Amino acid sequence: MSSKPTRLTHVGRDGRVRMVDVGEKPVTAREAVARGTVTVSATARRLIRAGTLKKGDPLQAARLAGIMAAKKTSELIPLCHPLPLTVVQVDVTPTSRGFAIEARVRTSAQTGVEMEALTAVAVAALTLYDMIKAADKSMVIGEICLLEKRGGKSGDYVRTASTSRATAPSRRGNKKSLQDR
C-alpha cells in the first residue's frame, strides 16, 4: 500500500470543488453496473403480484424512472459530465424480501458511467417506495453499490464477494459485458 494519500479529482489544490477537465482523454467504450435492494412487507409483495396497487405497476414505473434518471444524472449530481448514453437497462427482480434493482449503462465517451448506473438504481428504488408506500411505509432501501465498471484510464473494476455486503442475487451472468463482445 502506498503511504501517499489519494487526491480527490473534484477538489482543486486550493480546496475548491471543480469539474474535472476530460477534454484530453480519449473516447473509449465504458460500461457500469450497479445494484440496490428494496425490502418490502409480505402484504405489499402480495398486492404487487396481484396487480392491485392503486397507483399501477410499480415495477414498470421503477424501470422507467431508473432509465430517465440515468439520462439526467448530470443535472442531479453537480460535477458529473453530461454523457451520450448508448444503453440504459434497469431490471427489477423479486426476491424473498422485496426487490433487487440492477442497472447497466453504456457509452462511448471520455469519462465513465458509474454515477449514471448508481443514479438509475437509486431513483428506481425511490420510485418503488413512492408507488408502494400506501401499502407499506416500513420499506427499506439499501445496499446500493457499484458491481462493475469497464473502460477508461483507471481500468476495470469488479466487486468481489469480500467487498460486497449486498445479498440480492445478481443477474450479471445473463448479460454480455464489454469483455464478452
N, C-alpha and C. Protein backbone atom coordinates (compact mmCIF):
# COMPACT_ATOMS: atom_id res chain seq x y z
N MET A 1 0.83 -1.18 0.00
CA MET A 1 0.00 0.00 0.00
C MET A 1 0.87 1.25 0.00
N SER A 2 0.47 2.21 -0.75
CA SER A 2 1.19 3.47 -0.82
C SER A 2 0.84 4.35 0.37
N SER A 3 1.85 5.05 0.89
CA SER A 3 1.58 5.96 2.01
C SER A 3 1.08 7.31 1.49
N LYS A 4 1.19 7.53 0.18
CA LYS A 4 0.73 8.77 -0.42
C LYS A 4 -0.80 8.75 -0.49
N PRO A 5 -1.45 9.77 0.09
CA PRO A 5 -2.92 9.77 0.05
C PRO A 5 -3.44 10.00 -1.36
N THR A 6 -4.58 9.41 -1.66
CA THR A 6 -5.22 9.60 -2.96
C THR A 6 -5.79 11.01 -3.01
N ARG A 7 -5.53 11.70 -4.11
CA ARG A 7 -6.04 13.05 -4.28
C ARG A 7 -7.43 12.97 -4.91
N LEU A 8 -8.36 13.71 -4.38
CA LEU A 8 -9.70 13.74 -4.94
C LEU A 8 -9.69 14.56 -6.22
N THR A 9 -10.22 14.01 -7.29
CA THR A 9 -10.16 14.67 -8.59
C THR A 9 -11.09 15.87 -8.71
N HIS A 10 -12.12 15.91 -7.89
CA HIS A 10 -13.09 17.01 -7.97
C HIS A 10 -12.78 18.15 -6.99
N VAL A 11 -11.61 18.08 -6.36
CA VAL A 11 -11.20 19.12 -5.44
C VAL A 11 -9.84 19.65 -5.90
N GLY A 12 -9.76 20.94 -6.18
CA GLY A 12 -8.51 21.54 -6.62
C GLY A 12 -7.53 21.69 -5.47
N ARG A 13 -6.31 22.06 -5.79
CA ARG A 13 -5.27 22.25 -4.75
C ARG A 13 -5.67 23.32 -3.74
N ASP A 14 -6.52 24.25 -4.16
CA ASP A 14 -6.97 25.32 -3.27
C ASP A 14 -8.16 24.89 -2.40
N GLY A 15 -8.61 23.63 -2.56
CA GLY A 15 -9.71 23.11 -1.75
C GLY A 15 -11.09 23.37 -2.32
N ARG A 16 -11.15 24.04 -3.45
CA ARG A 16 -12.44 24.34 -4.07
C ARG A 16 -12.87 23.20 -4.99
N VAL A 17 -14.17 22.91 -5.00
CA VAL A 17 -14.68 21.87 -5.89
C VAL A 17 -14.61 22.37 -7.33
N ARG A 18 -14.42 21.41 -8.24
CA ARG A 18 -14.30 21.76 -9.65
C ARG A 18 -14.75 20.58 -10.49
N MET A 19 -15.14 20.88 -11.70
CA MET A 19 -15.47 19.83 -12.66
C MET A 19 -14.15 19.41 -13.31
N VAL A 20 -13.92 18.11 -13.37
CA VAL A 20 -12.69 17.59 -13.95
C VAL A 20 -12.68 17.85 -15.45
N ASP A 21 -11.54 18.28 -15.97
CA ASP A 21 -11.39 18.50 -17.41
C ASP A 21 -11.05 17.17 -18.08
N VAL A 22 -11.98 16.66 -18.88
CA VAL A 22 -11.77 15.39 -19.57
C VAL A 22 -11.47 15.60 -21.05
N GLY A 23 -11.26 16.85 -21.44
CA GLY A 23 -11.07 17.21 -22.84
C GLY A 23 -9.94 16.49 -23.54
N GLU A 24 -8.88 16.14 -22.84
CA GLU A 24 -7.72 15.48 -23.45
C GLU A 24 -7.81 13.96 -23.37
N LYS A 25 -8.80 13.45 -22.68
CA LYS A 25 -8.93 12.00 -22.55
C LYS A 25 -9.51 11.40 -23.83
N PRO A 26 -9.07 10.19 -24.19
CA PRO A 26 -9.63 9.57 -25.39
C PRO A 26 -11.05 9.06 -25.15
N VAL A 27 -11.82 9.02 -26.22
CA VAL A 27 -13.15 8.43 -26.17
C VAL A 27 -12.97 6.91 -26.19
N THR A 28 -13.53 6.24 -25.19
CA THR A 28 -13.45 4.78 -25.13
C THR A 28 -14.81 4.21 -24.74
N ALA A 29 -15.00 2.93 -25.00
CA ALA A 29 -16.23 2.24 -24.58
C ALA A 29 -16.21 2.11 -23.07
N ARG A 30 -17.31 2.44 -22.44
CA ARG A 30 -17.43 2.40 -20.98
C ARG A 30 -18.74 1.70 -20.62
N GLU A 31 -18.70 1.00 -19.50
CA GLU A 31 -19.89 0.30 -19.02
C GLU A 31 -19.84 0.25 -17.50
N ALA A 32 -20.98 0.38 -16.86
CA ALA A 32 -21.06 0.25 -15.41
C ALA A 32 -22.35 -0.48 -15.04
N VAL A 33 -22.25 -1.26 -13.98
CA VAL A 33 -23.41 -1.99 -13.45
C VAL A 33 -23.50 -1.68 -11.96
N ALA A 34 -24.68 -1.28 -11.52
CA ALA A 34 -24.92 -1.01 -10.10
C ALA A 34 -26.12 -1.82 -9.65
N ARG A 35 -26.21 -1.99 -8.34
CA ARG A 35 -27.31 -2.78 -7.77
C ARG A 35 -27.76 -2.16 -6.46
N GLY A 36 -29.02 -2.39 -6.13
CA GLY A 36 -29.56 -1.98 -4.84
C GLY A 36 -30.75 -2.87 -4.49
N THR A 37 -31.25 -2.71 -3.30
CA THR A 37 -32.38 -3.53 -2.85
C THR A 37 -33.46 -2.66 -2.22
N VAL A 38 -34.67 -3.16 -2.25
CA VAL A 38 -35.78 -2.56 -1.50
C VAL A 38 -36.45 -3.71 -0.76
N THR A 39 -36.45 -3.63 0.55
CA THR A 39 -37.11 -4.63 1.38
C THR A 39 -38.55 -4.18 1.58
N VAL A 40 -39.49 -5.10 1.30
CA VAL A 40 -40.92 -4.79 1.28
C VAL A 40 -41.66 -5.84 2.10
N SER A 41 -42.73 -5.46 2.75
CA SER A 41 -43.52 -6.40 3.55
C SER A 41 -44.16 -7.47 2.67
N ALA A 42 -44.49 -8.59 3.29
CA ALA A 42 -45.15 -9.69 2.58
C ALA A 42 -46.49 -9.24 2.02
N THR A 43 -47.20 -8.41 2.76
CA THR A 43 -48.50 -7.90 2.30
C THR A 43 -48.33 -7.07 1.03
N ALA A 44 -47.36 -6.18 1.03
CA ALA A 44 -47.12 -5.36 -0.16
C ALA A 44 -46.69 -6.21 -1.35
N ARG A 45 -45.87 -7.22 -1.10
CA ARG A 45 -45.44 -8.11 -2.21
C ARG A 45 -46.65 -8.83 -2.81
N ARG A 46 -47.59 -9.25 -1.97
CA ARG A 46 -48.81 -9.91 -2.47
C ARG A 46 -49.64 -8.95 -3.32
N LEU A 47 -49.79 -7.71 -2.88
CA LEU A 47 -50.56 -6.72 -3.64
C LEU A 47 -49.90 -6.45 -5.00
N ILE A 48 -48.60 -6.40 -5.02
CA ILE A 48 -47.88 -6.17 -6.28
C ILE A 48 -48.09 -7.35 -7.23
N ARG A 49 -47.93 -8.57 -6.70
CA ARG A 49 -48.15 -9.76 -7.54
C ARG A 49 -49.57 -9.83 -8.08
N ALA A 50 -50.53 -9.41 -7.26
CA ALA A 50 -51.93 -9.44 -7.66
C ALA A 50 -52.28 -8.28 -8.60
N GLY A 51 -51.41 -7.30 -8.69
CA GLY A 51 -51.68 -6.14 -9.54
C GLY A 51 -52.77 -5.23 -9.00
N THR A 52 -52.89 -5.15 -7.68
CA THR A 52 -53.98 -4.39 -7.09
C THR A 52 -53.56 -3.08 -6.42
N LEU A 53 -52.34 -2.63 -6.66
CA LEU A 53 -51.94 -1.32 -6.12
C LEU A 53 -52.66 -0.22 -6.90
N LYS A 54 -53.19 0.77 -6.20
CA LYS A 54 -53.96 1.82 -6.85
C LYS A 54 -53.14 2.66 -7.82
N LYS A 55 -51.84 2.81 -7.57
CA LYS A 55 -51.00 3.64 -8.44
C LYS A 55 -50.57 2.92 -9.71
N GLY A 56 -50.82 1.63 -9.81
CA GLY A 56 -50.43 0.89 -11.01
C GLY A 56 -49.26 -0.04 -10.76
N ASP A 57 -48.58 -0.40 -11.81
CA ASP A 57 -47.48 -1.37 -11.75
C ASP A 57 -46.19 -0.67 -11.27
N PRO A 58 -45.78 -0.91 -10.04
CA PRO A 58 -44.60 -0.23 -9.52
C PRO A 58 -43.30 -0.69 -10.18
N LEU A 59 -43.26 -1.91 -10.69
CA LEU A 59 -42.04 -2.42 -11.30
C LEU A 59 -41.76 -1.72 -12.63
N GLN A 60 -42.79 -1.55 -13.44
CA GLN A 60 -42.61 -0.83 -14.71
C GLN A 60 -42.28 0.64 -14.47
N ALA A 61 -42.96 1.23 -13.50
CA ALA A 61 -42.68 2.64 -13.17
C ALA A 61 -41.24 2.80 -12.70
N ALA A 62 -40.76 1.87 -11.88
CA ALA A 62 -39.38 1.94 -11.37
C ALA A 62 -38.37 1.78 -12.50
N ARG A 63 -38.62 0.86 -13.42
CA ARG A 63 -37.71 0.68 -14.57
C ARG A 63 -37.61 1.96 -15.39
N LEU A 64 -38.76 2.54 -15.71
CA LEU A 64 -38.78 3.76 -16.50
C LEU A 64 -38.10 4.91 -15.75
N ALA A 65 -38.38 5.05 -14.46
CA ALA A 65 -37.77 6.12 -13.66
C ALA A 65 -36.25 5.96 -13.62
N GLY A 66 -35.77 4.72 -13.50
CA GLY A 66 -34.33 4.47 -13.49
C GLY A 66 -33.67 4.88 -14.80
N ILE A 67 -34.30 4.54 -15.91
CA ILE A 67 -33.77 4.91 -17.22
C ILE A 67 -33.74 6.43 -17.36
N MET A 68 -34.83 7.08 -16.99
CA MET A 68 -34.89 8.54 -17.09
C MET A 68 -33.85 9.20 -16.19
N ALA A 69 -33.65 8.65 -15.00
CA ALA A 69 -32.68 9.22 -14.06
C ALA A 69 -31.26 9.11 -14.59
N ALA A 70 -30.92 7.97 -15.18
CA ALA A 70 -29.57 7.82 -15.74
C ALA A 70 -29.31 8.90 -16.77
N LYS A 71 -30.32 9.19 -17.59
CA LYS A 71 -30.18 10.21 -18.64
C LYS A 71 -30.04 11.62 -18.06
N LYS A 72 -30.50 11.83 -16.84
CA LYS A 72 -30.49 13.16 -16.21
C LYS A 72 -29.42 13.28 -15.12
N THR A 73 -28.52 12.33 -15.01
CA THR A 73 -27.56 12.32 -13.91
C THR A 73 -26.76 13.62 -13.80
N SER A 74 -26.32 14.16 -14.90
CA SER A 74 -25.51 15.38 -14.84
C SER A 74 -26.31 16.58 -14.33
N GLU A 75 -27.62 16.48 -14.37
CA GLU A 75 -28.47 17.55 -13.83
C GLU A 75 -28.71 17.36 -12.33
N LEU A 76 -28.50 16.15 -11.85
CA LEU A 76 -28.76 15.83 -10.44
C LEU A 76 -27.49 15.85 -9.58
N ILE A 77 -26.38 15.40 -10.14
CA ILE A 77 -25.11 15.33 -9.43
C ILE A 77 -24.25 16.49 -9.94
N PRO A 78 -23.94 17.46 -9.10
CA PRO A 78 -23.37 18.72 -9.56
C PRO A 78 -22.14 18.65 -10.47
N LEU A 79 -21.20 17.76 -10.27
CA LEU A 79 -19.96 17.79 -11.03
C LEU A 79 -19.86 16.70 -12.10
N CYS A 80 -20.97 16.02 -12.37
CA CYS A 80 -20.97 14.99 -13.41
C CYS A 80 -21.05 15.63 -14.80
N HIS A 81 -20.36 14.99 -15.74
CA HIS A 81 -20.41 15.44 -17.13
C HIS A 81 -21.66 14.87 -17.81
N PRO A 82 -22.30 15.63 -18.67
CA PRO A 82 -23.40 15.04 -19.46
C PRO A 82 -22.79 14.06 -20.46
N LEU A 83 -23.40 12.91 -20.59
CA LEU A 83 -22.85 11.86 -21.44
C LEU A 83 -23.87 11.37 -22.46
N PRO A 84 -23.39 10.98 -23.64
CA PRO A 84 -24.27 10.38 -24.65
C PRO A 84 -24.43 8.88 -24.35
N LEU A 85 -25.45 8.52 -23.61
CA LEU A 85 -25.64 7.12 -23.22
C LEU A 85 -26.11 6.31 -24.42
N THR A 86 -25.52 5.14 -24.60
CA THR A 86 -25.92 4.28 -25.72
C THR A 86 -26.93 3.23 -25.28
N VAL A 87 -26.93 2.88 -24.01
CA VAL A 87 -27.95 1.96 -23.49
C VAL A 87 -28.06 2.15 -21.98
N VAL A 88 -29.29 2.08 -21.50
CA VAL A 88 -29.58 2.03 -20.07
C VAL A 88 -30.58 0.90 -19.89
N GLN A 89 -30.20 -0.09 -19.11
CA GLN A 89 -31.10 -1.21 -18.84
C GLN A 89 -31.30 -1.28 -17.33
N VAL A 90 -32.54 -1.30 -16.90
CA VAL A 90 -32.87 -1.40 -15.48
C VAL A 90 -33.75 -2.62 -15.29
N ASP A 91 -33.30 -3.52 -14.43
CA ASP A 91 -34.06 -4.72 -14.11
C ASP A 91 -34.50 -4.65 -12.66
N VAL A 92 -35.77 -4.95 -12.41
CA VAL A 92 -36.31 -5.03 -11.06
C VAL A 92 -36.78 -6.47 -10.88
N THR A 93 -36.11 -7.19 -9.98
CA THR A 93 -36.34 -8.61 -9.81
C THR A 93 -36.87 -8.91 -8.42
N PRO A 94 -37.99 -9.63 -8.32
CA PRO A 94 -38.49 -10.01 -6.99
C PRO A 94 -37.49 -10.91 -6.26
N THR A 95 -37.36 -10.68 -4.95
CA THR A 95 -36.55 -11.54 -4.09
C THR A 95 -37.45 -12.01 -2.95
N SER A 96 -36.92 -12.81 -2.06
CA SER A 96 -37.73 -13.32 -0.95
C SER A 96 -38.14 -12.21 0.01
N ARG A 97 -37.42 -11.09 0.02
CA ARG A 97 -37.71 -10.00 0.97
C ARG A 97 -38.15 -8.71 0.29
N GLY A 98 -38.21 -8.70 -1.04
CA GLY A 98 -38.60 -7.48 -1.73
C GLY A 98 -38.14 -7.50 -3.17
N PHE A 99 -37.23 -6.57 -3.51
CA PHE A 99 -36.80 -6.45 -4.90
C PHE A 99 -35.32 -6.11 -4.98
N ALA A 100 -34.68 -6.68 -5.98
CA ALA A 100 -33.31 -6.30 -6.33
C ALA A 100 -33.41 -5.44 -7.59
N ILE A 101 -32.68 -4.37 -7.60
CA ILE A 101 -32.66 -3.47 -8.76
C ILE A 101 -31.25 -3.48 -9.31
N GLU A 102 -31.14 -3.69 -10.61
CA GLU A 102 -29.82 -3.66 -11.24
C GLU A 102 -29.89 -2.79 -12.49
N ALA A 103 -28.92 -1.91 -12.62
CA ALA A 103 -28.84 -1.02 -13.78
C ALA A 103 -27.53 -1.23 -14.49
N ARG A 104 -27.59 -1.30 -15.82
CA ARG A 104 -26.42 -1.42 -16.68
C ARG A 104 -26.46 -0.25 -17.64
N VAL A 105 -25.37 0.51 -17.69
CA VAL A 105 -25.30 1.70 -18.52
C VAL A 105 -24.04 1.63 -19.37
N ARG A 106 -24.18 2.01 -20.64
CA ARG A 106 -23.02 2.03 -21.57
C ARG A 106 -22.95 3.36 -22.31
N THR A 107 -21.72 3.70 -22.69
CA THR A 107 -21.45 4.86 -23.52
C THR A 107 -20.11 4.68 -24.20
N SER A 108 -19.85 5.51 -25.16
CA SER A 108 -18.50 5.71 -25.68
C SER A 108 -18.23 7.18 -25.43
N ALA A 109 -17.34 7.45 -24.48
CA ALA A 109 -17.12 8.83 -24.04
C ALA A 109 -15.75 8.96 -23.39
N GLN A 110 -15.49 10.15 -22.86
CA GLN A 110 -14.21 10.46 -22.23
C GLN A 110 -14.23 10.24 -20.72
N THR A 111 -15.38 9.88 -20.19
CA THR A 111 -15.50 9.60 -18.76
C THR A 111 -16.54 8.49 -18.57
N GLY A 112 -16.50 7.87 -17.41
CA GLY A 112 -17.30 6.68 -17.17
C GLY A 112 -18.74 6.93 -16.78
N VAL A 113 -19.49 5.85 -16.63
CA VAL A 113 -20.93 5.91 -16.38
C VAL A 113 -21.32 5.30 -15.03
N GLU A 114 -20.38 5.27 -14.09
CA GLU A 114 -20.70 4.72 -12.77
C GLU A 114 -21.82 5.51 -12.10
N MET A 115 -21.75 6.83 -12.16
CA MET A 115 -22.76 7.65 -11.50
C MET A 115 -24.13 7.47 -12.15
N GLU A 116 -24.15 7.27 -13.45
CA GLU A 116 -25.42 7.05 -14.15
C GLU A 116 -26.05 5.73 -13.70
N ALA A 117 -25.25 4.69 -13.55
CA ALA A 117 -25.79 3.40 -13.09
C ALA A 117 -26.28 3.50 -11.65
N LEU A 118 -25.50 4.14 -10.79
CA LEU A 118 -25.90 4.30 -9.39
C LEU A 118 -27.16 5.16 -9.26
N THR A 119 -27.24 6.22 -10.05
CA THR A 119 -28.41 7.10 -10.02
C THR A 119 -29.65 6.34 -10.50
N ALA A 120 -29.50 5.54 -11.54
CA ALA A 120 -30.63 4.75 -12.04
C ALA A 120 -31.17 3.84 -10.94
N VAL A 121 -30.29 3.17 -10.21
CA VAL A 121 -30.72 2.27 -9.14
C VAL A 121 -31.41 3.06 -8.02
N ALA A 122 -30.80 4.17 -7.61
CA ALA A 122 -31.36 4.95 -6.51
C ALA A 122 -32.75 5.49 -6.84
N VAL A 123 -32.92 6.03 -8.03
CA VAL A 123 -34.22 6.60 -8.39
C VAL A 123 -35.25 5.50 -8.64
N ALA A 124 -34.84 4.37 -9.18
CA ALA A 124 -35.77 3.24 -9.31
C ALA A 124 -36.24 2.78 -7.94
N ALA A 125 -35.34 2.73 -6.96
CA ALA A 125 -35.70 2.33 -5.60
C ALA A 125 -36.65 3.35 -4.98
N LEU A 126 -36.38 4.63 -5.15
CA LEU A 126 -37.27 5.66 -4.63
C LEU A 126 -38.65 5.60 -5.28
N THR A 127 -38.67 5.27 -6.56
CA THR A 127 -39.96 5.14 -7.26
C THR A 127 -40.75 3.96 -6.71
N LEU A 128 -40.07 2.83 -6.46
CA LEU A 128 -40.76 1.70 -5.83
C LEU A 128 -41.36 2.15 -4.50
N TYR A 129 -40.57 2.85 -3.71
CA TYR A 129 -41.06 3.32 -2.42
C TYR A 129 -42.31 4.18 -2.61
N ASP A 130 -42.24 5.13 -3.52
CA ASP A 130 -43.38 6.02 -3.75
C ASP A 130 -44.62 5.24 -4.19
N MET A 131 -44.43 4.28 -5.07
CA MET A 131 -45.56 3.52 -5.61
C MET A 131 -46.19 2.59 -4.56
N ILE A 132 -45.39 2.15 -3.59
CA ILE A 132 -45.84 1.12 -2.65
C ILE A 132 -46.14 1.68 -1.26
N LYS A 133 -45.78 2.93 -0.99
CA LYS A 133 -45.85 3.47 0.38
C LYS A 133 -47.25 3.42 1.00
N ALA A 134 -48.30 3.46 0.20
CA ALA A 134 -49.65 3.36 0.77
C ALA A 134 -49.88 2.00 1.42
N ALA A 135 -49.20 0.97 0.92
CA ALA A 135 -49.36 -0.38 1.46
C ALA A 135 -48.29 -0.74 2.47
N ASP A 136 -47.15 -0.02 2.46
CA ASP A 136 -46.03 -0.39 3.34
C ASP A 136 -45.10 0.80 3.54
N LYS A 137 -45.24 1.47 4.66
CA LYS A 137 -44.36 2.60 4.96
C LYS A 137 -43.06 2.16 5.63
N SER A 138 -42.93 0.88 5.91
CA SER A 138 -41.73 0.39 6.60
C SER A 138 -40.65 -0.13 5.65
N MET A 139 -40.82 0.11 4.35
CA MET A 139 -39.83 -0.36 3.38
C MET A 139 -38.44 0.19 3.70
N VAL A 140 -37.43 -0.56 3.27
CA VAL A 140 -36.05 -0.13 3.47
C VAL A 140 -35.33 -0.19 2.13
N ILE A 141 -34.75 0.93 1.74
CA ILE A 141 -33.91 0.99 0.54
C ILE A 141 -32.48 0.80 1.01
N GLY A 142 -31.75 -0.09 0.35
CA GLY A 142 -30.40 -0.31 0.83
C GLY A 142 -29.47 -0.96 -0.17
N GLU A 143 -28.24 -1.11 0.32
CA GLU A 143 -27.20 -1.84 -0.41
C GLU A 143 -26.99 -1.35 -1.83
N ILE A 144 -27.07 -0.05 -2.07
CA ILE A 144 -26.78 0.48 -3.41
C ILE A 144 -25.27 0.51 -3.58
N CYS A 145 -24.79 -0.16 -4.61
CA CYS A 145 -23.35 -0.25 -4.81
C CYS A 145 -23.01 -0.46 -6.27
N LEU A 146 -21.77 -0.15 -6.60
CA LEU A 146 -21.24 -0.41 -7.94
C LEU A 146 -20.79 -1.86 -7.98
N LEU A 147 -21.30 -2.62 -8.94
CA LEU A 147 -20.89 -4.02 -9.09
C LEU A 147 -19.68 -4.15 -10.00
N GLU A 148 -19.69 -3.38 -11.08
CA GLU A 148 -18.56 -3.46 -12.01
C GLU A 148 -18.52 -2.22 -12.89
N LYS A 149 -17.34 -1.95 -13.38
CA LYS A 149 -17.17 -0.90 -14.36
C LYS A 149 -16.07 -1.33 -15.31
N ARG A 150 -16.23 -0.96 -16.57
CA ARG A 150 -15.27 -1.34 -17.60
C ARG A 150 -14.89 -0.10 -18.41
N GLY A 151 -13.64 -0.06 -18.82
CA GLY A 151 -13.16 1.01 -19.67
C GLY A 151 -12.55 2.15 -18.88
N GLY A 152 -11.82 2.98 -19.61
CA GLY A 152 -11.22 4.17 -19.00
C GLY A 152 -9.84 3.94 -18.46
N LYS A 153 -9.20 5.03 -18.09
CA LYS A 153 -7.81 5.03 -17.62
C LYS A 153 -7.61 4.20 -16.35
N SER A 154 -8.58 4.25 -15.45
CA SER A 154 -8.40 3.53 -14.17
C SER A 154 -8.63 2.03 -14.31
N GLY A 155 -9.07 1.58 -15.48
CA GLY A 155 -9.21 0.14 -15.72
C GLY A 155 -10.54 -0.42 -15.25
N ASP A 156 -10.60 -1.72 -15.27
CA ASP A 156 -11.83 -2.42 -14.90
C ASP A 156 -11.91 -2.63 -13.40
N TYR A 157 -13.13 -2.72 -12.92
CA TYR A 157 -13.40 -3.00 -11.51
C TYR A 157 -14.54 -3.98 -11.46
N VAL A 158 -14.39 -5.04 -10.66
CA VAL A 158 -15.47 -5.98 -10.41
C VAL A 158 -15.53 -6.21 -8.92
N ARG A 159 -16.70 -5.95 -8.35
CA ARG A 159 -16.89 -6.15 -6.91
C ARG A 159 -16.78 -7.62 -6.61
N THR A 160 -16.05 -7.95 -5.58
CA THR A 160 -15.89 -9.35 -5.19
C THR A 160 -16.76 -9.64 -3.98
N ALA A 161 -16.89 -10.91 -3.67
CA ALA A 161 -17.69 -11.30 -2.50
C ALA A 161 -17.13 -10.68 -1.24
N SER A 162 -15.81 -10.50 -1.17
CA SER A 162 -15.21 -9.94 0.04
C SER A 162 -15.48 -8.44 0.17
N THR A 163 -15.79 -7.75 -0.94
CA THR A 163 -16.09 -6.32 -0.86
C THR A 163 -17.57 -6.04 -0.88
N SER A 164 -18.39 -7.05 -1.12
CA SER A 164 -19.83 -6.85 -1.25
C SER A 164 -20.55 -7.31 -0.01
N ARG A 165 -21.41 -6.44 0.51
CA ARG A 165 -22.28 -6.81 1.61
C ARG A 165 -23.69 -7.06 1.12
N ALA A 166 -23.95 -6.74 -0.15
CA ALA A 166 -25.30 -6.90 -0.70
C ALA A 166 -25.64 -8.38 -0.78
N THR A 167 -26.89 -8.71 -0.52
CA THR A 167 -27.32 -10.10 -0.54
C THR A 167 -28.25 -10.42 -1.70
N ALA A 168 -28.64 -9.42 -2.45
CA ALA A 168 -29.57 -9.66 -3.56
C ALA A 168 -28.86 -10.40 -4.67
N PRO A 169 -29.55 -11.33 -5.33
CA PRO A 169 -28.91 -12.07 -6.42
C PRO A 169 -28.64 -11.14 -7.60
N SER A 170 -27.52 -11.35 -8.25
CA SER A 170 -27.19 -10.58 -9.43
C SER A 170 -27.55 -11.37 -10.67
N ARG A 171 -28.00 -10.65 -11.69
CA ARG A 171 -28.33 -11.31 -12.96
C ARG A 171 -27.24 -11.00 -13.98
N ARG A 172 -26.04 -10.63 -13.51
CA ARG A 172 -24.96 -10.24 -14.40
C ARG A 172 -24.61 -11.33 -15.40
N GLY A 173 -24.72 -12.58 -15.00
CA GLY A 173 -24.33 -13.67 -15.87
C GLY A 173 -25.17 -13.77 -17.13
N ASN A 174 -26.35 -13.16 -17.14
CA ASN A 174 -27.25 -13.24 -18.28
C ASN A 174 -26.99 -12.18 -19.33
N LYS A 175 -26.08 -11.26 -19.06
CA LYS A 175 -25.85 -10.16 -19.98
C LYS A 175 -24.41 -10.15 -20.44
N LYS A 176 -24.18 -9.67 -21.65
CA LYS A 176 -22.83 -9.58 -22.16
C LYS A 176 -22.19 -8.27 -21.70
N SER A 177 -20.99 -8.36 -21.20
CA SER A 177 -20.25 -7.16 -20.84
C SER A 177 -19.35 -6.78 -22.01
N LEU A 178 -18.64 -5.69 -21.85
CA LEU A 178 -17.73 -5.26 -22.90
C LEU A 178 -16.69 -6.32 -23.21
N GLN A 179 -16.27 -7.06 -22.19
CA GLN A 179 -15.27 -8.11 -22.39
C GLN A 179 -15.80 -9.25 -23.25
N ASP A 180 -17.09 -9.51 -23.17
CA ASP A 180 -17.69 -10.65 -23.88
C ASP A 180 -17.96 -10.36 -25.34
N ARG A 181 -17.90 -9.08 -25.75
CA ARG A 181 -18.22 -8.73 -27.13
C ARG A 181 -17.03 -8.77 -28.02
